[in-house]
Amino acid sequence: MSMPTDQRPGVVRAPHATIAWIVTALTLGYTLPWAIACTRGSRNSAAVAVVNIFLGWLIIPWFIALAMAFKAHQVASATTVHVYQQPQQ
């Protein structure tokens, strides 16, 4: 059984991931960290986009945004996990 994480469900079909990859292609890879974060379903994809777009031209923040995009998903806290069982008949 896998542990629940903070990854958003239905990641690949999300329209913002498609938009992120189109913008990445048009900017020749400048917004690559944002596209990766959107595709992976990271909860911090908005933060990655802000760092990437406003500071990415400084090179070091671009690599910081890239590291943020590849950051492992966090295990969901036990308070958000709900287990439902069918009553036995």
Protein backbone atom coordinates (compact mmCIF):
# COMPACT_ATOMS: atom_id res chain seq x y z
CA MET A 1 0.00 0.00 0.00
CA SER A 2 1.43 3.36 -0.96
CA MET A 3 1.43 6.37 1.33
CA PRO A 4 -0.84 9.27 0.32
CA THR A 5 1.09 12.36 -0.72
CA ASP A 6 0.36 15.99 -1.43
CA GLN A 7 0.50 15.38 -5.18
CA ARG A 8 -2.51 16.70 -7.05
CA PRO A 9 -4.63 14.01 -8.73
CA GLY A 10 -5.11 14.02 -12.53
CA VAL A 11 -1.85 15.82 -13.12
CA VAL A 12 -1.07 15.06 -16.74
CA ARG A 13 -4.48 16.09 -18.05
CA ALA A 14 -4.44 19.41 -16.22
CA PRO A 15 -4.78 22.36 -18.60
CA HIS A 16 -2.19 24.41 -16.70
CA ALA A 17 0.43 21.72 -17.41
CA THR A 18 -0.31 21.94 -21.13
CA ILE A 19 -0.07 25.74 -21.03
CA ALA A 20 3.20 25.50 -19.08
CA TRP A 21 4.77 23.23 -21.72
CA ILE A 22 3.63 25.49 -24.57
CA VAL A 23 5.12 28.53 -22.83
CA THR A 24 8.32 26.54 -22.18
CA ALA A 25 8.63 25.69 -25.87
CA LEU A 26 8.02 29.31 -26.87
CA THR A 27 10.59 30.64 -24.38
CA LEU A 28 13.22 28.05 -25.35
CA GLY A 29 13.26 26.39 -21.94
CA TYR A 30 13.16 29.46 -19.71
CA THR A 31 10.02 28.26 -17.90
CA LEU A 32 11.12 24.62 -17.76
CA PRO A 33 10.98 24.43 -13.93
CA TRP A 34 7.37 25.62 -13.95
CA ALA A 35 6.38 23.08 -16.63
CA ILE A 36 8.00 20.25 -14.67
CA ALA A 37 6.28 21.30 -11.44
CA CYS A 38 2.88 21.42 -13.19
CA THR A 39 3.39 18.05 -14.85
CA ARG A 40 4.44 16.38 -11.59
CA GLY A 41 1.41 17.83 -9.83
CA SER A 42 3.44 19.71 -7.25
CA ARG A 43 1.46 21.77 -4.77
CA ASN A 44 4.17 24.43 -5.02
CA SER A 45 3.86 24.94 -8.80
CA ALA A 46 2.67 28.54 -8.29
CA ALA A 47 5.73 29.32 -6.16
CA VAL A 48 7.98 27.71 -8.77
CA ALA A 49 6.34 29.87 -11.46
CA VAL A 50 6.85 33.08 -9.48
CA VAL A 51 10.53 32.36 -8.75
CA ASN A 52 11.10 31.21 -12.33
CA ILE A 53 9.37 34.09 -14.11
CA PHE A 54 10.52 36.97 -11.92
CA LEU A 55 14.02 35.81 -10.92
CA GLY A 56 14.93 33.06 -13.40
CA TRP A 57 16.93 35.39 -15.60
CA LEU A 58 19.51 35.59 -12.77
CA ILE A 59 20.47 31.93 -13.46
CA ILE A 60 20.89 30.82 -9.82
CA PRO A 61 17.18 31.35 -9.00
CA TRP A 62 16.38 29.38 -12.18
CA PHE A 63 18.24 26.40 -10.73
CA ILE A 64 16.52 26.96 -7.38
CA ALA A 65 13.15 26.85 -9.16
CA LEU A 66 14.26 23.67 -10.93
CA ALA A 67 15.18 22.08 -7.59
CA MET A 68 11.80 23.14 -6.19
CA ALA A 69 10.09 21.50 -9.16
CA PHE A 70 11.87 18.18 -8.57
CA LYS A 71 11.31 18.24 -4.81
CA ALA A 72 9.80 14.99 -3.56
CA HIS A 73 6.12 15.00 -2.72
CA GLN A 74 5.44 15.18 0.99
CA VAL A 75 3.55 12.42 2.76
CA ALA A 76 0.08 13.64 3.65
CA SER A 77 -0.52 14.15 7.35
CA ALA A 78 -2.48 11.51 9.21
CA THR A 79 -5.29 13.96 9.85
CA THR A 80 -6.12 14.20 6.14
CA VAL A 81 -6.28 10.45 5.52
CA HIS A 82 -9.78 8.98 5.74
CA VAL A 83 -10.41 5.26 5.73
CA TYR A 84 -13.90 4.02 5.07
CA GLN A 85 -14.91 0.42 5.59
CA GLN A 86 -18.05 -1.30 4.46
CA PRO A 87 -20.15 -2.66 7.32
CA GLN A 88 -20.06 -6.42 7.45
CA GLN A 89 -23.35 -8.16 6.86
